[in-house]
Amino acid sequence: MPASDLRRKHGHVKRKIPQASLDYVKAHIASFPVNDSHYTRTHSEHRKYLNPSLSLEQMYRMYVSECQ
């Protein structure tokens, strides 16, 4: 008989991020100005886009400075 399959049986503890932390990050992301798409605005009414000049590195720096 082959050995039993041990996948998903490591006993890892799921690490849950506190809801307050998630809310803080979501509020930070929502604080960035958004642009509408200039392509077919009628079809993408609910889609908002960040300014293309804003990079992930800049957003991270802003987040770190806000947290301090």
C-alpha atoms as a PDB file:
ATOM      1  CA  MET A   1       0.000   0.000   0.000  1.00  0.00           C
ATOM      2  CA  PRO A   2       1.304   3.472  -0.737  1.00  0.00           C
ATOM      3  CA  ALA A   3       1.806   5.874   2.160  1.00  0.00           C
ATOM      4  CA  SER A   4      -1.096   8.138   2.983  1.00  0.00           C
ATOM      5  CA  ASP A   5      -1.208  11.562   1.398  1.00  0.00           C
ATOM      6  CA  LEU A   6      -0.090  14.194   3.925  1.00  0.00           C
ATOM      7  CA  ARG A   7      -1.241  17.280   2.019  1.00  0.00           C
ATOM      8  CA  ARG A   8      -3.171  19.801   4.117  1.00  0.00           C
ATOM      9  CA  LYS A   9      -2.363  17.978   7.332  1.00  0.00           C
ATOM     10  CA  HIS A  10       0.347  20.208   8.734  1.00  0.00           C
ATOM     11  CA  GLY A  11      -1.657  21.650  11.581  1.00  0.00           C
ATOM     12  CA  HIS A  12      -0.970  25.249  10.540  1.00  0.00           C
ATOM     13  CA  VAL A  13      -2.712  27.885  12.553  1.00  0.00           C
ATOM     14  CA  LYS A  14      -4.584  30.328  10.376  1.00  0.00           C
ATOM     15  CA  ARG A  15      -3.482  33.856  11.127  1.00  0.00           C
ATOM     16  CA  LYS A  16      -6.412  36.191  10.981  1.00  0.00           C
ATOM     17  CA  ILE A  17      -5.784  39.893  10.494  1.00  0.00           C
ATOM     18  CA  PRO A  18      -7.841  41.980  12.928  1.00  0.00           C
ATOM     19  CA  GLN A  19     -10.832  43.696  11.334  1.00  0.00           C
ATOM     20  CA  ALA A  20      -9.661  47.102  12.603  1.00  0.00           C
ATOM     21  CA  SER A  21      -6.402  46.696  10.654  1.00  0.00           C
ATOM     22  CA  LEU A  22      -8.255  45.710   7.502  1.00  0.00           C
ATOM     23  CA  ASP A  23     -10.582  48.704   7.850  1.00  0.00           C
ATOM     24  CA  TYR A  24      -7.593  51.020   8.303  1.00  0.00           C
ATOM     25  CA  VAL A  25      -5.929  49.734   5.119  1.00  0.00           C
ATOM     26  CA  LYS A  26      -9.180  49.970   3.150  1.00  0.00           C
ATOM     27  CA  ALA A  27      -9.680  53.558   4.311  1.00  0.00           C
ATOM     28  CA  HIS A  28      -6.126  54.376   3.253  1.00  0.00           C
ATOM     29  CA  ILE A  29      -6.702  52.949  -0.225  1.00  0.00           C
ATOM     30  CA  ALA A  30     -10.025  54.784  -0.506  1.00  0.00           C
ATOM     31  CA  SER A  31      -8.271  58.067   0.304  1.00  0.00           C
ATOM     32  CA  PHE A  32      -6.483  58.098  -3.064  1.00  0.00           C
ATOM     33  CA  PRO A  33      -8.140  60.144  -5.793  1.00  0.00           C
ATOM     34  CA  VAL A  34      -9.753  58.043  -8.515  1.00  0.00           C
ATOM     35  CA  ASN A  35     -10.350  58.622 -12.215  1.00  0.00           C
ATOM     36  CA  ASP A  36     -13.124  57.389 -14.424  1.00  0.00           C
ATOM     37  CA  SER A  37     -12.187  55.367 -17.443  1.00  0.00           C
ATOM     38  CA  HIS A  38     -12.141  57.401 -20.618  1.00  0.00           C
ATOM     39  CA  TYR A  39     -13.151  54.295 -22.583  1.00  0.00           C
ATOM     40  CA  THR A  40     -16.867  53.550 -22.755  1.00  0.00           C
ATOM     41  CA  ARG A  41     -17.928  55.397 -19.622  1.00  0.00           C
ATOM     42  CA  THR A  42     -21.466  54.133 -20.014  1.00  0.00           C
ATOM     43  CA  HIS A  43     -20.347  50.521 -19.589  1.00  0.00           C
ATOM     44  CA  SER A  44     -17.853  51.091 -16.786  1.00  0.00           C
ATOM     45  CA  GLU A  45     -19.816  53.363 -14.457  1.00  0.00           C
ATOM     46  CA  HIS A  46     -18.786  51.458 -11.348  1.00  0.00           C
ATOM     47  CA  ARG A  47     -15.106  51.112 -12.270  1.00  0.00           C
ATOM     48  CA  LYS A  48     -12.693  53.628 -10.843  1.00  0.00           C
ATOM     49  CA  TYR A  49      -8.979  53.787 -11.578  1.00  0.00           C
ATOM     50  CA  LEU A  50      -6.058  55.206  -9.648  1.00  0.00           C
ATOM     51  CA  ASN A  51      -3.954  57.878 -11.244  1.00  0.00           C
ATOM     52  CA  PRO A  52      -1.344  56.144 -13.443  1.00  0.00           C
ATOM     53  CA  SER A  53       1.427  58.342 -12.037  1.00  0.00           C
ATOM     54  CA  LEU A  54       0.835  56.835  -8.577  1.00  0.00           C
ATOM     55  CA  SER A  55       3.035  53.782  -7.978  1.00  0.00           C
ATOM     56  CA  LEU A  56       2.780  51.025  -5.383  1.00  0.00           C
ATOM     57  CA  GLU A  57       6.014  52.273  -3.852  1.00  0.00           C
ATOM     58  CA  GLN A  58       4.550  55.756  -3.412  1.00  0.00           C
ATOM     59  CA  MET A  59       1.363  54.352  -1.895  1.00  0.00           C
ATOM     60  CA  TYR A  60       3.394  52.219   0.504  1.00  0.00           C
ATOM     61  CA  ARG A  61       5.517  55.189   1.579  1.00  0.00           C
ATOM     62  CA  MET A  62       2.367  57.218   2.217  1.00  0.00           C
ATOM     63  CA  TYR A  63       0.955  54.348   4.263  1.00  0.00           C
ATOM     64  CA  VAL A  64       4.103  54.008   6.367  1.00  0.00           C
ATOM     65  CA  SER A  65       4.274  57.752   7.020  1.00  0.00           C
ATOM     66  CA  GLU A  66       0.583  57.770   7.996  1.00  0.00           C
ATOM     67  CA  CYS A  67       1.103  54.878  10.408  1.00  0.00           C
ATOM     68  CA  GLN A  68       3.974  56.564  12.248  1.00  0.00           C
END
